[in-house]
Amino acid sequence: MTETVHLVNTGRALQELPPVAPKGGARFHFELPGSVQGFRAEAGIQLENVRGQSQLGERSLAVRVGALTKDLKPLAATATFIPQEAMG
C-alpha cells in the first residue's frame, strides 16, 4: 500500500497537486478497497476490507473469527519487517 500511495503522489506532483496521506499517513490503512495491507490469517479467521468502522477514514480491516475449539489458536498478523523473499 505504501508503494501505491508513493506512485499516486508522484503522479499528483507531476500535475502540481498536493500529495494524499490516507488516515494522516498511518503505516496501516485500508482505504483502497480490497487491501488487507499484507495481513494474513490462519485457519478459522477471515480477513476482509470493509466499508465503515473507521474513525479517520472510510474503510477498515474486518477480522472475523469462526467457531472456536479448544485446539484452534486463531492468529492474524502482518510482518513487522520486510521478509527476505520480498527483497528483490
Protein backbone atom coordinates (compact mmCIF):
# COMPACT_ATOMS: atom_id res chain seq x y z
CA MET A 1 0.00 0.00 0.00
CA THR A 2 2.82 2.39 0.77
CA GLU A 3 4.13 1.92 -2.77
CA THR A 4 0.69 2.66 -4.20
CA VAL A 5 0.46 5.94 -2.28
CA HIS A 6 4.00 6.89 -3.38
CA LEU A 7 3.10 6.20 -7.01
CA VAL A 8 -0.13 8.19 -6.74
CA ASN A 9 1.71 11.09 -5.10
CA THR A 10 4.35 11.07 -7.84
CA GLY A 11 1.59 11.48 -10.41
CA ARG A 12 -0.05 14.18 -8.31
CA ALA A 13 3.27 16.06 -8.04
CA LEU A 14 3.62 15.98 -11.83
CA GLN A 15 0.19 17.60 -12.02
CA GLU A 16 1.16 20.10 -9.28
CA LEU A 17 -1.46 18.67 -6.93
CA PRO A 18 -0.91 18.19 -3.18
CA PRO A 19 0.01 14.69 -2.00
CA VAL A 20 -2.52 12.38 -0.39
CA ALA A 21 -1.89 10.85 3.04
CA PRO A 22 -4.64 8.35 3.87
CA LYS A 23 -5.52 8.41 7.57
CA GLY A 24 -2.90 11.06 8.24
CA GLY A 25 -0.08 8.96 6.79
CA ALA A 26 -0.72 5.95 9.06
CA ARG A 27 1.50 2.94 8.38
CA PHE A 28 -1.55 0.70 8.03
CA HIS A 29 -4.74 1.91 6.44
CA PHE A 30 -7.35 0.13 4.41
CA GLU A 31 -8.66 2.98 2.27
CA LEU A 32 -8.13 1.14 -1.02
CA PRO A 33 -10.96 -1.41 -1.43
CA GLY A 34 -9.66 -4.96 -1.21
CA SER A 35 -6.42 -4.05 0.54
CA VAL A 36 -5.50 -6.04 3.64
CA GLN A 37 -2.02 -4.47 3.94
CA GLY A 38 -0.20 -7.80 3.98
CA PHE A 39 -2.16 -9.14 6.94
CA ARG A 40 -2.56 -12.91 6.85
CA ALA A 41 -4.75 -15.22 8.85
CA GLU A 42 -4.57 -18.84 9.84
CA ALA A 43 -7.41 -21.36 9.87
CA GLY A 44 -10.60 -20.18 11.48
CA ILE A 45 -10.09 -16.49 10.63
CA GLN A 46 -11.28 -14.46 7.67
CA LEU A 47 -9.83 -11.04 6.81
CA GLU A 48 -11.80 -8.58 4.72
CA ASN A 49 -11.51 -4.93 3.75
CA VAL A 50 -14.87 -3.37 4.63
CA ARG A 51 -16.57 0.00 4.45
CA GLY A 52 -17.04 1.77 7.79
CA GLN A 53 -15.83 1.24 11.36
CA SER A 54 -13.02 3.77 10.87
CA GLN A 55 -12.56 6.95 12.87
CA LEU A 56 -10.16 8.56 10.36
CA GLY A 57 -11.23 7.14 7.01
CA GLU A 58 -13.91 5.24 5.16
CA ARG A 59 -12.64 1.63 5.31
CA SER A 60 -11.17 -0.78 7.84
CA LEU A 61 -9.93 -4.36 8.23
CA ALA A 62 -12.54 -6.81 9.49
CA VAL A 63 -11.15 -9.80 11.37
CA ARG A 64 -13.81 -12.49 11.57
CA VAL A 65 -13.25 -15.47 13.82
CA GLY A 66 -15.27 -18.61 13.15
CA ALA A 67 -16.28 -21.23 15.69
CA LEU A 68 -13.53 -21.66 18.24
CA THR A 69 -12.43 -25.02 19.53
CA LYS A 70 -10.04 -26.00 22.27
CA ASP A 71 -7.35 -26.81 19.71
CA LEU A 72 -7.80 -23.75 17.47
CA LYS A 73 -5.49 -20.86 18.20
CA PRO A 74 -6.64 -18.10 15.83
CA LEU A 75 -3.92 -15.82 14.53
CA ALA A 76 -3.99 -12.76 12.29
CA ALA A 77 -0.73 -10.87 11.78
CA THR A 78 1.47 -8.95 9.38
CA ALA A 79 5.23 -8.89 9.02
CA THR A 80 6.93 -6.24 11.13
CA PHE A 81 9.96 -6.21 8.86
CA ILE A 82 10.20 -6.83 5.12
CA PRO A 83 10.50 -10.60 4.63
CA GLN A 84 13.68 -11.72 2.83
CA GLU A 85 11.67 -13.16 -0.08
CA ALA A 86 10.11 -9.73 -0.71
CA MET A 87 13.51 -8.08 -1.07
CA GLY A 88 14.46 -8.12 -4.66
